[in-house]
């Protein structure tokens, strides 16, 4: 694998990881803070703010995942768990780890020029 391709794949992986953690945290805030406040405290403010932000970031997360899949040469069906991870609390963190391991197995070990 040539160096530019490896660098592109590492960059796509980093973008995916950032978005997976961001979407995962936003979903946790929405489900475990916003929804209970809306239901039990009649305070829908968190849901009204975090809900649309999570929705927008979920789309960015899907684009980052699609870019990573394209660069890694995955078939479309391998993105199914990535798609679901944006809807299931805590799933984004587990899927992120699995994706990182899958991609890093394909990459040669880093050699630091020194």
PDB file of N, CA and C in Angstrom:
ATOM      1  N   UNK A   1       0.855  -1.163   0.000  1.00  0.00           N
ATOM      2  CA  UNK A   1       0.000   0.000   0.000  1.00  0.00           C
ATOM      3  C   UNK A   1       0.902   1.228   0.000  1.00  0.00           C
ATOM      4  N   UNK A   2       0.606   2.167  -0.846  1.00  0.00           N
ATOM      5  CA  UNK A   2       1.458   3.337  -0.943  1.00  0.00           C
ATOM      6  C   UNK A   2       1.189   4.290   0.219  1.00  0.00           C
ATOM      7  N   UNK A   3       2.142   5.176   0.450  1.00  0.00           N
ATOM      8  CA  UNK A   3       2.052   6.096   1.580  1.00  0.00           C
ATOM      9  C   UNK A   3       0.851   7.031   1.487  1.00  0.00           C
ATOM     10  N   UNK A   4       0.527   7.657   0.313  1.00  0.00           N
ATOM     11  CA  UNK A   4      -0.635   8.542   0.280  1.00  0.00           C
ATOM     12  C   UNK A   4      -1.942   7.807   0.603  1.00  0.00           C
ATOM     13  N   UNK A   5      -2.084   6.584   0.117  1.00  0.00           N
ATOM     14  CA  UNK A   5      -3.301   5.822   0.398  1.00  0.00           C
ATOM     15  C   UNK A   5      -3.380   5.522   1.883  1.00  0.00           C
ATOM     16  N   UNK A   6      -2.256   5.132   2.476  1.00  0.00           N
ATOM     17  CA  UNK A   6      -2.232   4.833   3.903  1.00  0.00           C
ATOM     18  C   UNK A   6      -2.579   6.077   4.710  1.00  0.00           C
ATOM     19  N   UNK A   7      -2.034   7.221   4.327  1.00  0.00           N
ATOM     20  CA  UNK A   7      -2.322   8.470   5.027  1.00  0.00           C
ATOM     21  C   UNK A   7      -3.791   8.856   4.864  1.00  0.00           C
ATOM     22  N   UNK A   8      -4.346   8.655   3.662  1.00  0.00           N
ATOM     23  CA  UNK A   8      -5.759   8.957   3.436  1.00  0.00           C
ATOM     24  C   UNK A   8      -6.652   8.062   4.287  1.00  0.00           C
ATOM     25  N   UNK A   9      -6.292   6.791   4.387  1.00  0.00           N
ATOM     26  CA  UNK A   9      -7.085   5.862   5.185  1.00  0.00           C
ATOM     27  C   UNK A   9      -6.985   6.213   6.665  1.00  0.00           C
ATOM     28  N   UNK A  10      -5.805   6.580   7.123  1.00  0.00           N
ATOM     29  CA  UNK A  10      -5.646   6.991   8.529  1.00  0.00           C
ATOM     30  C   UNK A  10      -6.442   8.263   8.820  1.00  0.00           C
ATOM     31  N   UNK A  11      -6.445   9.202   7.887  1.00  0.00           N
ATOM     32  CA  UNK A  11      -7.224  10.427   8.058  1.00  0.00           C
ATOM     33  C   UNK A  11      -8.719  10.143   8.096  1.00  0.00           C
ATOM     34  N   UNK A  12      -9.178   9.273   7.218  1.00  0.00           N
ATOM     35  CA  UNK A  12     -10.595   8.904   7.205  1.00  0.00           C
ATOM     36  C   UNK A  12     -10.968   8.182   8.498  1.00  0.00           C
ATOM     37  N   UNK A  13     -10.064   7.353   8.999  1.00  0.00           N
ATOM     38  CA  UNK A  13     -10.312   6.651  10.256  1.00  0.00           C
ATOM     39  C   UNK A  13     -10.403   7.640  11.419  1.00  0.00           C
ATOM     40  N   UNK A  14      -9.526   8.620  11.452  1.00  0.00           N
ATOM     41  CA  UNK A  14      -9.568   9.629  12.510  1.00  0.00           C
ATOM     42  C   UNK A  14     -10.878  10.420  12.464  1.00  0.00           C
ATOM     43  N   UNK A  15     -11.292  10.825  11.269  1.00  0.00           N
ATOM     44  CA  UNK A  15     -12.555  11.555  11.135  1.00  0.00           C
ATOM     45  C   UNK A  15     -13.733  10.701  11.616  1.00  0.00           C
ATOM     46  N   UNK A  16     -13.716   9.422  11.246  1.00  0.00           N
ATOM     47  CA  UNK A  16     -14.775   8.522  11.689  1.00  0.00           C
ATOM     48  C   UNK A  16     -14.786   8.395  13.208  1.00  0.00           C
ATOM     49  N   UNK A  17     -13.622   8.237  13.809  1.00  0.00           N
ATOM     50  CA  UNK A  17     -13.537   8.071  15.269  1.00  0.00           C
ATOM     51  C   UNK A  17     -14.077   9.299  15.997  1.00  0.00           C
ATOM     52  N   UNK A  18     -13.698  10.471  15.537  1.00  0.00           N
ATOM     53  CA  UNK A  18     -14.182  11.712  16.171  1.00  0.00           C
ATOM     54  C   UNK A  18     -15.704  11.789  16.074  1.00  0.00           C
ATOM     55  N   UNK A  19     -16.233  11.486  14.898  1.00  0.00           N
ATOM     56  CA  UNK A  19     -17.685  11.567  14.726  1.00  0.00           C
ATOM     57  C   UNK A  19     -18.407  10.475  15.503  1.00  0.00           C
ATOM     58  N   UNK A  20     -17.823   9.284  15.604  1.00  0.00           N
ATOM     59  CA  UNK A  20     -18.464   8.205  16.366  1.00  0.00           C
ATOM     60  C   UNK A  20     -18.581   8.595  17.833  1.00  0.00           C
ATOM     61  N   UNK A  21     -17.515   9.116  18.406  1.00  0.00           N
ATOM     62  CA  UNK A  21     -17.576   9.538  19.806  1.00  0.00           C
ATOM     63  C   UNK A  21     -18.525  10.713  20.000  1.00  0.00           C
ATOM     64  N   UNK A  22     -18.507  11.661  19.088  1.00  0.00           N
ATOM     65  CA  UNK A  22     -19.375  12.822  19.200  1.00  0.00           C
ATOM     66  C   UNK A  22     -20.845  12.412  19.130  1.00  0.00           C
ATOM     67  N   UNK A  23     -21.182  11.602  18.141  1.00  0.00           N
ATOM     68  CA  UNK A  23     -22.570  11.149  17.989  1.00  0.00           C
ATOM     69  C   UNK A  23     -22.974  10.274  19.174  1.00  0.00           C
ATOM     70  N   UNK A  24     -22.070   9.433  19.641  1.00  0.00           N
ATOM     71  CA  UNK A  24     -22.370   8.584  20.792  1.00  0.00           C
ATOM     72  C   UNK A  24     -22.669   9.391  22.044  1.00  0.00           C
ATOM     73  N   UNK A  25     -21.859  10.398  22.307  1.00  0.00           N
ATOM     74  CA  UNK A  25     -22.076  11.242  23.492  1.00  0.00           C
ATOM     75  C   UNK A  25     -23.369  12.040  23.346  1.00  0.00           C
ATOM     76  N   UNK A  26     -23.605  12.587  22.166  1.00  0.00           N
ATOM     77  CA  UNK A  26     -24.831  13.362  21.958  1.00  0.00           C
ATOM     78  C   UNK A  26     -26.072  12.490  22.143  1.00  0.00           C
ATOM     79  N   UNK A  27     -26.015  11.253  21.687  1.00  0.00           N
ATOM     80  CA  UNK A  27     -27.152  10.349  21.856  1.00  0.00           C
ATOM     81  C   UNK A  27     -27.379  10.028  23.330  1.00  0.00           C
ATOM     82  N   UNK A  28     -26.296   9.826  24.072  1.00  0.00           N
ATOM     83  CA  UNK A  28     -26.434   9.569  25.503  1.00  0.00           C
ATOM     84  C   UNK A  28     -27.064  10.762  26.221  1.00  0.00           C
ATOM     85  N   UNK A  29     -26.629  11.966  25.887  1.00  0.00           N
ATOM     86  CA  UNK A  29     -27.209  13.169  26.494  1.00  0.00           C
ATOM     87  C   UNK A  29     -28.692  13.269  26.136  1.00  0.00           C
ATOM     88  N   UNK A  30     -29.001  13.007  24.893  1.00  0.00           N
ATOM     89  CA  UNK A  30     -30.392  13.088  24.449  1.00  0.00           C
ATOM     90  C   UNK A  30     -31.270  12.076  25.170  1.00  0.00           C
ATOM     91  N   UNK A  31     -30.828  10.816  25.235  1.00  0.00           N
ATOM     92  CA  UNK A  31     -31.657   9.746  25.794  1.00  0.00           C
ATOM     93  C   UNK A  31     -31.700   9.774  27.316  1.00  0.00           C
ATOM     94  N   UNK A  32     -30.554  10.033  27.951  1.00  0.00           N
ATOM     95  CA  UNK A  32     -30.504   9.902  29.408  1.00  0.00           C
ATOM     96  C   UNK A  32     -30.643  11.223  30.171  1.00  0.00           C
ATOM     97  N   UNK A  33     -30.592  12.345  29.466  1.00  0.00           N
ATOM     98  CA  UNK A  33     -30.807  13.639  30.115  1.00  0.00           C
ATOM     99  C   UNK A  33     -32.028  14.329  29.506  1.00  0.00           C
ATOM    100  N   UNK A  34     -32.015  14.503  28.198  1.00  0.00           N
ATOM    101  CA  UNK A  34     -33.067  15.265  27.544  1.00  0.00           C
ATOM    102  C   UNK A  34     -34.444  14.632  27.633  1.00  0.00           C
ATOM    103  N   UNK A  35     -34.542  13.364  27.313  1.00  0.00           N
ATOM    104  CA  UNK A  35     -35.849  12.709  27.326  1.00  0.00           C
ATOM    105  C   UNK A  35     -36.424  12.628  28.740  1.00  0.00           C
ATOM    106  N   UNK A  36     -35.654  12.212  29.758  1.00  0.00           N
ATOM    107  CA  UNK A  36     -36.228  12.234  31.113  1.00  0.00           C
ATOM    108  C   UNK A  36     -36.665  13.637  31.559  1.00  0.00           C
ATOM    109  N   UNK A  37     -35.879  14.652  31.231  1.00  0.00           N
ATOM    110  CA  UNK A  37     -36.292  16.019  31.581  1.00  0.00           C
ATOM    111  C   UNK A  37     -37.589  16.400  30.873  1.00  0.00           C
ATOM    112  N   UNK A  38     -37.711  15.987  29.627  1.00  0.00           N
ATOM    113  CA  UNK A  38     -38.918  16.317  28.877  1.00  0.00           C
ATOM    114  C   UNK A  38     -40.135  15.591  29.457  1.00  0.00           C
ATOM    115  N   UNK A  39     -39.969  14.336  29.814  1.00  0.00           N
ATOM    116  CA  UNK A  39     -41.102  13.539  30.298  1.00  0.00           C
ATOM    117  C   UNK A  39     -41.467  13.882  31.736  1.00  0.00           C
ATOM    118  N   UNK A  40     -40.480  13.874  32.633  1.00  0.00           N
ATOM    119  CA  UNK A  40     -40.777  13.980  34.063  1.00  0.00           C
ATOM    120  C   UNK A  40     -40.725  15.411  34.608  1.00  0.00           C
ATOM    121  N   UNK A  41     -39.977  16.285  33.977  1.00  0.00           N
ATOM    122  CA  UNK A  41     -39.880  17.652  34.497  1.00  0.00           C
ATOM    123  C   UNK A  41     -40.570  18.665  33.593  1.00  0.00           C
ATOM    124  N   UNK A  42     -41.185  18.166  32.521  1.00  0.00           N
ATOM    125  CA  UNK A  42     -41.852  19.042  31.559  1.00  0.00           C
ATOM    126  C   UNK A  42     -40.921  20.170  31.100  1.00  0.00           C
ATOM    127  N   UNK A  43     -39.660  19.768  30.836  1.00  0.00           N
ATOM    128  CA  UNK A  43     -38.641  20.724  30.374  1.00  0.00           C
ATOM    129  C   UNK A  43     -38.048  20.202  29.069  1.00  0.00           C
ATOM    130  N   UNK A  44     -38.646  20.571  27.937  1.00  0.00           N
ATOM    131  CA  UNK A  44     -38.188  20.034  26.655  1.00  0.00           C
ATOM    132  C   UNK A  44     -36.986  20.757  26.049  1.00  0.00           C
ATOM    133  N   UNK A  45     -36.392  21.683  26.776  1.00  0.00           N
ATOM    134  CA  UNK A  45     -35.305  22.487  26.218  1.00  0.00           C
ATOM    135  C   UNK A  45     -34.120  21.674  25.726  1.00  0.00           C
ATOM    136  N   UNK A  46     -33.686  20.694  26.515  1.00  0.00           N
ATOM    137  CA  UNK A  46     -32.524  19.886  26.119  1.00  0.00           C
ATOM    138  C   UNK A  46     -32.833  19.108  24.846  1.00  0.00           C
ATOM    139  N   UNK A  47     -34.007  18.518  24.769  1.00  0.00           N
ATOM    140  CA  UNK A  47     -34.390  17.749  23.584  1.00  0.00           C
ATOM    141  C   UNK A  47     -34.470  18.655  22.364  1.00  0.00           C
ATOM    142  N   UNK A  48     -34.983  19.871  22.560  1.00  0.00           N
ATOM    143  CA  UNK A  48     -35.125  20.798  21.432  1.00  0.00           C
ATOM    144  C   UNK A  48     -33.775  21.277  20.907  1.00  0.00           C
ATOM    145  N   UNK A  49     -32.762  21.264  21.736  1.00  0.00           N
ATOM    146  CA  UNK A  49     -31.424  21.680  21.294  1.00  0.00           C
ATOM    147  C   UNK A  49     -30.601  20.477  20.849  1.00  0.00           C
ATOM    148  N   UNK A  50     -30.510  19.464  21.698  1.00  0.00           N
ATOM    149  CA  UNK A  50     -29.636  18.324  21.434  1.00  0.00           C
ATOM    150  C   UNK A  50     -30.186  17.439  20.309  1.00  0.00           C
ATOM    151  N   UNK A  51     -31.509  17.321  20.212  1.00  0.00           N
ATOM    152  CA  UNK A  51     -32.103  16.484  19.168  1.00  0.00           C
ATOM    153  C   UNK A  51     -31.675  16.878  17.760  1.00  0.00           C
ATOM    154  N   UNK A  52     -31.896  18.120  17.356  1.00  0.00           N
ATOM    155  CA  UNK A  52     -31.464  18.524  16.005  1.00  0.00           C
ATOM    156  C   UNK A  52     -29.946  18.483  15.822  1.00  0.00           C
ATOM    157  N   UNK A  53     -29.193  18.808  16.879  1.00  0.00           N
ATOM    158  CA  UNK A  53     -27.726  18.752  16.774  1.00  0.00           C
ATOM    159  C   UNK A  53     -27.289  17.308  16.550  1.00  0.00           C
ATOM    160  N   UNK A  54     -27.864  16.389  17.313  1.00  0.00           N
ATOM    161  CA  UNK A  54     -27.540  14.969  17.122  1.00  0.00           C
ATOM    162  C   UNK A  54     -27.924  14.519  15.708  1.00  0.00           C
ATOM    163  N   UNK A  55     -29.085  14.952  15.228  1.00  0.00           N
ATOM    164  CA  UNK A  55     -29.513  14.580  13.875  1.00  0.00           C
ATOM    165  C   UNK A  55     -28.546  15.061  12.810  1.00  0.00           C
ATOM    166  N   UNK A  56     -28.106  16.295  12.926  1.00  0.00           N
ATOM    167  CA  UNK A  56     -27.142  16.836  11.961  1.00  0.00           C
ATOM    168  C   UNK A  56     -25.813  16.093  12.051  1.00  0.00           C
ATOM    169  N   UNK A  57     -25.324  15.895  13.278  1.00  0.00           N
ATOM    170  CA  UNK A  57     -24.035  15.209  13.445  1.00  0.00           C
ATOM    171  C   UNK A  57     -24.114  13.741  13.030  1.00  0.00           C
ATOM    172  N   UNK A  58     -25.278  13.132  13.147  1.00  0.00           N
ATOM    173  CA  UNK A  58     -25.453  11.757  12.686  1.00  0.00           C
ATOM    174  C   UNK A  58     -25.246  11.678  11.174  1.00  0.00           C
ATOM    175  N   UNK A  59     -25.750  12.661  10.451  1.00  0.00           N
ATOM    176  CA  UNK A  59     -25.536  12.692   8.995  1.00  0.00           C
ATOM    177  C   UNK A  59     -24.050  12.852   8.688  1.00  0.00           C
ATOM    178  N   UNK A  60     -23.360  13.721   9.411  1.00  0.00           N
ATOM    179  CA  UNK A  60     -21.914  13.894   9.218  1.00  0.00           C
ATOM    180  C   UNK A  60     -21.184  12.591   9.553  1.00  0.00           C
ATOM    181  N   UNK A  61     -21.613  11.915  10.607  1.00  0.00           N
ATOM    182  CA  UNK A  61     -21.055  10.615  10.999  1.00  0.00           C
ATOM    183  C   UNK A  61     -21.227   9.594   9.876  1.00  0.00           C
ATOM    184  N   UNK A  62     -22.412   9.551   9.263  1.00  0.00           N
ATOM    185  CA  UNK A  62     -22.641   8.625   8.158  1.00  0.00           C
ATOM    186  C   UNK A  62     -21.753   8.947   6.967  1.00  0.00           C
ATOM    187  N   UNK A  63     -21.550  10.223   6.702  1.00  0.00           N
ATOM    188  CA  UNK A  63     -20.658  10.613   5.595  1.00  0.00           C
ATOM    189  C   UNK A  63     -19.218  10.206   5.899  1.00  0.00           C
ATOM    190  N   UNK A  64     -18.782  10.386   7.135  1.00  0.00           N
ATOM    191  CA  UNK A  64     -17.432   9.971   7.522  1.00  0.00           C
ATOM    192  C   UNK A  64     -17.289   8.459   7.413  1.00  0.00           C
ATOM    193  N   UNK A  65     -18.322   7.718   7.807  1.00  0.00           N
ATOM    194  CA  UNK A  65     -18.288   6.258   7.705  1.00  0.00           C
ATOM    195  C   UNK A  65     -18.276   5.813   6.248  1.00  0.00           C
ATOM    196  N   UNK A  66     -19.056   6.461   5.404  1.00  0.00           N
ATOM    197  CA  UNK A  66     -19.075   6.117   3.981  1.00  0.00           C
ATOM    198  C   UNK A  66     -17.720   6.407   3.336  1.00  0.00           C
ATOM    199  N   UNK A  67     -17.103   7.519   3.718  1.00  0.00           N
ATOM    200  CA  UNK A  67     -15.774   7.846   3.195  1.00  0.00           C
ATOM    201  C   UNK A  67     -14.753   6.798   3.624  1.00  0.00           C
ATOM    202  N   UNK A  68     -14.801   6.406   4.887  1.00  0.00           N
ATOM    203  CA  UNK A  68     -13.884   5.376   5.382  1.00  0.00           C
ATOM    204  C   UNK A  68     -14.122   4.054   4.657  1.00  0.00           C
ATOM    205  N   UNK A  69     -15.379   3.692   4.483  1.00  0.00           N
ATOM    206  CA  UNK A  69     -15.700   2.432   3.794  1.00  0.00           C
ATOM    207  C   UNK A  69     -15.198   2.451   2.356  1.00  0.00           C
ATOM    208  N   UNK A  70     -15.338   3.586   1.700  1.00  0.00           N
ATOM    209  CA  UNK A  70     -14.867   3.697   0.310  1.00  0.00           C
ATOM    210  C   UNK A  70     -13.354   3.557   0.241  1.00  0.00           C
ATOM    211  N   UNK A  71     -12.661   4.237   1.129  1.00  0.00           N
ATOM    212  CA  UNK A  71     -11.197   4.188   1.126  1.00  0.00           C
ATOM    213  C   UNK A  71     -10.671   2.813   1.547  1.00  0.00           C
ATOM    214  N   UNK A  72     -11.416   2.125   2.428  1.00  0.00           N
ATOM    215  CA  UNK A  72     -10.979   0.807   2.896  1.00  0.00           C
ATOM    216  C   UNK A  72     -11.441  -0.315   1.967  1.00  0.00           C
ATOM    217  N   UNK A  73     -12.323   0.008   1.034  1.00  0.00           N
ATOM    218  CA  UNK A  73     -12.788  -0.994   0.082  1.00  0.00           C
ATOM    219  C   UNK A  73     -13.808  -1.966   0.661  1.00  0.00           C
ATOM    220  N   UNK A  74     -14.623  -1.503   1.596  1.00  0.00           N
ATOM    221  CA  UNK A  74     -15.641  -2.362   2.196  1.00  0.00           C
ATOM    222  C   UNK A  74     -16.864  -2.438   1.306  1.00  0.00           C
ATOM    223  N   UNK A  75     -17.556  -3.573   1.328  1.00  0.00           N
ATOM    224  CA  UNK A  75     -18.874  -3.618   0.678  1.00  0.00           C
ATOM    225  C   UNK A  75     -19.885  -2.833   1.524  1.00  0.00           C
ATOM    226  N   UNK A  76     -20.957  -2.413   0.916  1.00  0.00           N
ATOM    227  CA  UNK A  76     -21.944  -1.567   1.592  1.00  0.00           C
ATOM    228  C   UNK A  76     -22.543  -2.265   2.817  1.00  0.00           C
ATOM    229  N   UNK A  77     -22.740  -3.563   2.757  1.00  0.00           N
ATOM    230  CA  UNK A  77     -23.384  -4.269   3.873  1.00  0.00           C
ATOM    231  C   UNK A  77     -22.563  -4.182   5.160  1.00  0.00           C
ATOM    232  N   UNK A  78     -21.268  -3.929   5.070  1.00  0.00           N
ATOM    233  CA  UNK A  78     -20.455  -3.830   6.278  1.00  0.00           C
ATOM    234  C   UNK A  78     -20.713  -2.541   7.055  1.00  0.00           C
ATOM    235  N   UNK A  79     -21.464  -1.637   6.483  1.00  0.00           N
ATOM    236  CA  UNK A  79     -21.797  -0.396   7.166  1.00  0.00           C
ATOM    237  C   UNK A  79     -23.068  -0.512   8.009  1.00  0.00           C
ATOM    238  N   UNK A  80     -23.735  -1.648   7.991  1.00  0.00           N
ATOM    239  CA  UNK A  80     -25.006  -1.790   8.687  1.00  0.00           C
ATOM    240  C   UNK A  80     -24.878  -1.499  10.188  1.00  0.00           C
ATOM    241  N   UNK A  81     -23.865  -2.078  10.839  1.00  0.00           N
ATOM    242  CA  UNK A  81     -23.699  -1.837  12.275  1.00  0.00           C
ATOM    243  C   UNK A  81     -23.331  -0.382  12.559  1.00  0.00           C
ATOM    244  N   UNK A  82     -22.615   0.245  11.642  1.00  0.00           N
ATOM    245  CA  UNK A  82     -22.261   1.655  11.797  1.00  0.00           C
ATOM    246  C   UNK A  82     -23.521   2.524  11.727  1.00  0.00           C
ATOM    247  N   UNK A  83     -24.405   2.204  10.836  1.00  0.00           N
ATOM    248  CA  UNK A  83     -25.657   2.958  10.700  1.00  0.00           C
ATOM    249  C   UNK A  83     -26.496   2.819  11.969  1.00  0.00           C
ATOM    250  N   UNK A  84     -26.628   1.613  12.478  1.00  0.00           N
ATOM    251  CA  UNK A  84     -27.438   1.384  13.672  1.00  0.00           C
ATOM    252  C   UNK A  84     -26.831   2.010  14.926  1.00  0.00           C
ATOM    253  N   UNK A  85     -25.527   2.156  14.956  1.00  0.00           N
ATOM    254  CA  UNK A  85     -24.856   2.673  16.153  1.00  0.00           C
ATOM    255  C   UNK A  85     -25.289   4.091  16.502  1.00  0.00           C
ATOM    256  N   UNK A  86     -25.787   4.846  15.559  1.00  0.00           N
ATOM    257  CA  UNK A  86     -26.250   6.199  15.834  1.00  0.00           C
ATOM    258  C   UNK A  86     -27.621   6.250  16.474  1.00  0.00           C
ATOM    259  N   UNK A  87     -28.291   5.090  16.565  1.00  0.00           N
ATOM    260  CA  UNK A  87     -29.627   5.016  17.142  1.00  0.00           C
ATOM    261  C   UNK A  87     -29.678   4.301  18.480  1.00  0.00           C
ATOM    262  N   UNK A  88     -28.659   3.528  18.797  1.00  0.00           N
ATOM    263  CA  UNK A  88     -28.671   2.696  20.004  1.00  0.00           C
ATOM    264  C   UNK A  88     -27.650   3.264  20.997  1.00  0.00           C
ATOM    265  N   UNK A  89     -28.108   3.678  22.185  1.00  0.00           N
ATOM    266  CA  UNK A  89     -27.166   4.228  23.162  1.00  0.00           C
ATOM    267  C   UNK A  89     -26.022   3.257  23.456  1.00  0.00           C
ATOM    268  N   UNK A  90     -24.832   3.773  23.562  1.00  0.00           N
ATOM    269  CA  UNK A  90     -23.580   3.068  23.838  1.00  0.00           C
ATOM    270  C   UNK A  90     -23.048   2.277  22.640  1.00  0.00           C
ATOM    271  N   UNK A  91     -23.850   2.020  21.627  1.00  0.00           N
ATOM    272  CA  UNK A  91     -23.405   1.196  20.503  1.00  0.00           C
ATOM    273  C   UNK A  91     -22.289   1.864  19.704  1.00  0.00           C
ATOM    274  N   UNK A  92     -22.310   3.172  19.593  1.00  0.00           N
ATOM    275  CA  UNK A  92     -21.295   3.868  18.796  1.00  0.00           C
ATOM    276  C   UNK A  92     -19.885   3.597  19.315  1.00  0.00           C
ATOM    277  N   UNK A  93     -19.743   3.450  20.624  1.00  0.00           N
ATOM    278  CA  UNK A  93     -18.423   3.219  21.206  1.00  0.00           C
ATOM    279  C   UNK A  93     -17.913   1.816  20.884  1.00  0.00           C
ATOM    280  N   UNK A  94     -18.797   0.837  20.932  1.00  0.00           N
ATOM    281  CA  UNK A  94     -18.407  -0.536  20.610  1.00  0.00           C
ATOM    282  C   UNK A  94     -18.129  -0.703  19.117  1.00  0.00           C
ATOM    283  N   UNK A  95     -18.974  -0.112  18.298  1.00  0.00           N
ATOM    284  CA  UNK A  95     -18.779  -0.197  16.848  1.00  0.00           C
ATOM    285  C   UNK A  95     -17.505   0.534  16.445  1.00  0.00           C
ATOM    286  N   UNK A  96     -17.237   1.667  17.072  1.00  0.00           N
ATOM    287  CA  UNK A  96     -16.006   2.413  16.763  1.00  0.00           C
ATOM    288  C   UNK A  96     -14.778   1.541  17.012  1.00  0.00           C
ATOM    289  N   UNK A  97     -14.738   0.838  18.131  1.00  0.00           N
ATOM    290  CA  UNK A  97     -13.590  -0.028  18.439  1.00  0.00           C
ATOM    291  C   UNK A  97     -13.443  -1.128  17.400  1.00  0.00           C
ATOM    292  N   UNK A  98     -14.577  -1.729  17.021  1.00  0.00           N
ATOM    293  CA  UNK A  98     -14.524  -2.812  16.030  1.00  0.00           C
ATOM    294  C   UNK A  98     -14.043  -2.295  14.673  1.00  0.00           C
ATOM    295  N   UNK A  99     -14.517  -1.127  14.279  1.00  0.00           N
ATOM    296  CA  UNK A  99     -14.090  -0.539  12.998  1.00  0.00           C
ATOM    297  C   UNK A  99     -12.603  -0.203  13.039  1.00  0.00           C
ATOM    298  N   UNK A 100     -12.135   0.368  14.141  1.00  0.00           N
ATOM    299  CA  UNK A 100     -10.715   0.712  14.263  1.00  0.00           C
ATOM    300  C   UNK A 100      -9.857  -0.545  14.130  1.00  0.00           C
ATOM    301  N   UNK A 101     -10.241  -1.614  14.809  1.00  0.00           N
ATOM    302  CA  UNK A 101      -9.462  -2.861  14.712  1.00  0.00           C
ATOM    303  C   UNK A 101      -9.487  -3.410  13.291  1.00  0.00           C
ATOM    304  N   UNK A 102     -10.640  -3.335  12.631  1.00  0.00           N
ATOM    305  CA  UNK A 102     -10.763  -3.826  11.263  1.00  0.00           C
ATOM    306  C   UNK A 102      -9.852  -3.048  10.315  1.00  0.00           C
ATOM    307  N   UNK A 103      -9.810  -1.733  10.472  1.00  0.00           N
ATOM    308  CA  UNK A 103      -8.996  -0.908   9.575  1.00  0.00           C
ATOM    309  C   UNK A 103      -7.512  -1.050   9.908  1.00  0.00           C
ATOM    310  N   UNK A 104      -7.173  -1.045  11.193  1.00  0.00           N
ATOM    311  CA  UNK A 104      -5.757  -1.112  11.574  1.00  0.00           C
ATOM    312  C   UNK A 104      -5.109  -2.441  11.206  1.00  0.00           C
ATOM    313  N   UNK A 105      -5.895  -3.507  11.104  1.00  0.00           N
ATOM    314  CA  UNK A 105      -5.341  -4.788  10.636  1.00  0.00           C
ATOM    315  C   UNK A 105      -4.849  -4.690   9.198  1.00  0.00           C
ATOM    316  N   UNK A 106      -5.501  -3.819   8.424  1.00  0.00           N
ATOM    317  CA  UNK A 106      -5.113  -3.656   7.017  1.00  0.00           C
ATOM    318  C   UNK A 106      -3.920  -2.744   6.834  1.00  0.00           C
ATOM    319  N   UNK A 107      -3.658  -1.889   7.816  1.00  0.00           N
ATOM    320  CA  UNK A 107      -2.570  -0.930   7.696  1.00  0.00           C
ATOM    321  C   UNK A 107      -1.266  -1.525   8.208  1.00  0.00           C
ATOM    322  N   UNK A 108      -0.168  -1.261   7.520  1.00  0.00           N
ATOM    323  CA  UNK A 108       1.117  -1.706   8.063  1.00  0.00           C
ATOM    324  C   UNK A 108       1.461  -0.894   9.308  1.00  0.00           C
ATOM    325  N   UNK A 109       2.318  -1.445  10.118  1.00  0.00           N
ATOM    326  CA  UNK A 109       2.729  -0.758  11.347  1.00  0.00           C
ATOM    327  C   UNK A 109       3.394   0.554  10.985  1.00  0.00           C
ATOM    328  N   UNK A 110       3.159   1.544  11.819  1.00  0.00           N
ATOM    329  CA  UNK A 110       3.792   2.846  11.612  1.00  0.00           C
ATOM    330  C   UNK A 110       5.274   2.764  11.901  1.00  0.00           C
ATOM    331  N   UNK A 111       6.048   3.408  11.091  1.00  0.00           N
ATOM    332  CA  UNK A 111       7.487   3.508  11.343  1.00  0.00           C
ATOM    333  C   UNK A 111       7.797   4.990  11.481  1.00  0.00           C
ATOM    334  N   UNK A 112       8.323   5.358  12.630  1.00  0.00           N
ATOM    335  CA  UNK A 112       8.657   6.752  12.878  1.00  0.00           C
ATOM    336  C   UNK A 112      10.044   7.041  12.303  1.00  0.00           C
ATOM    337  N   UNK A 113      10.130   8.009  11.379  1.00  0.00           N
ATOM    338  CA  UNK A 113      11.440   8.348  10.835  1.00  0.00           C
ATOM    339  C   UNK A 113      12.269   9.108  11.882  1.00  0.00           C
ATOM    340  N   UNK A 114      13.359   8.505  12.256  1.00  0.00           N
ATOM    341  CA  UNK A 114      14.226   9.185  13.227  1.00  0.00           C
ATOM    342  C   UNK A 114      15.663   8.833  12.978  1.00  0.00           C
TER     343      UNK A 114
END
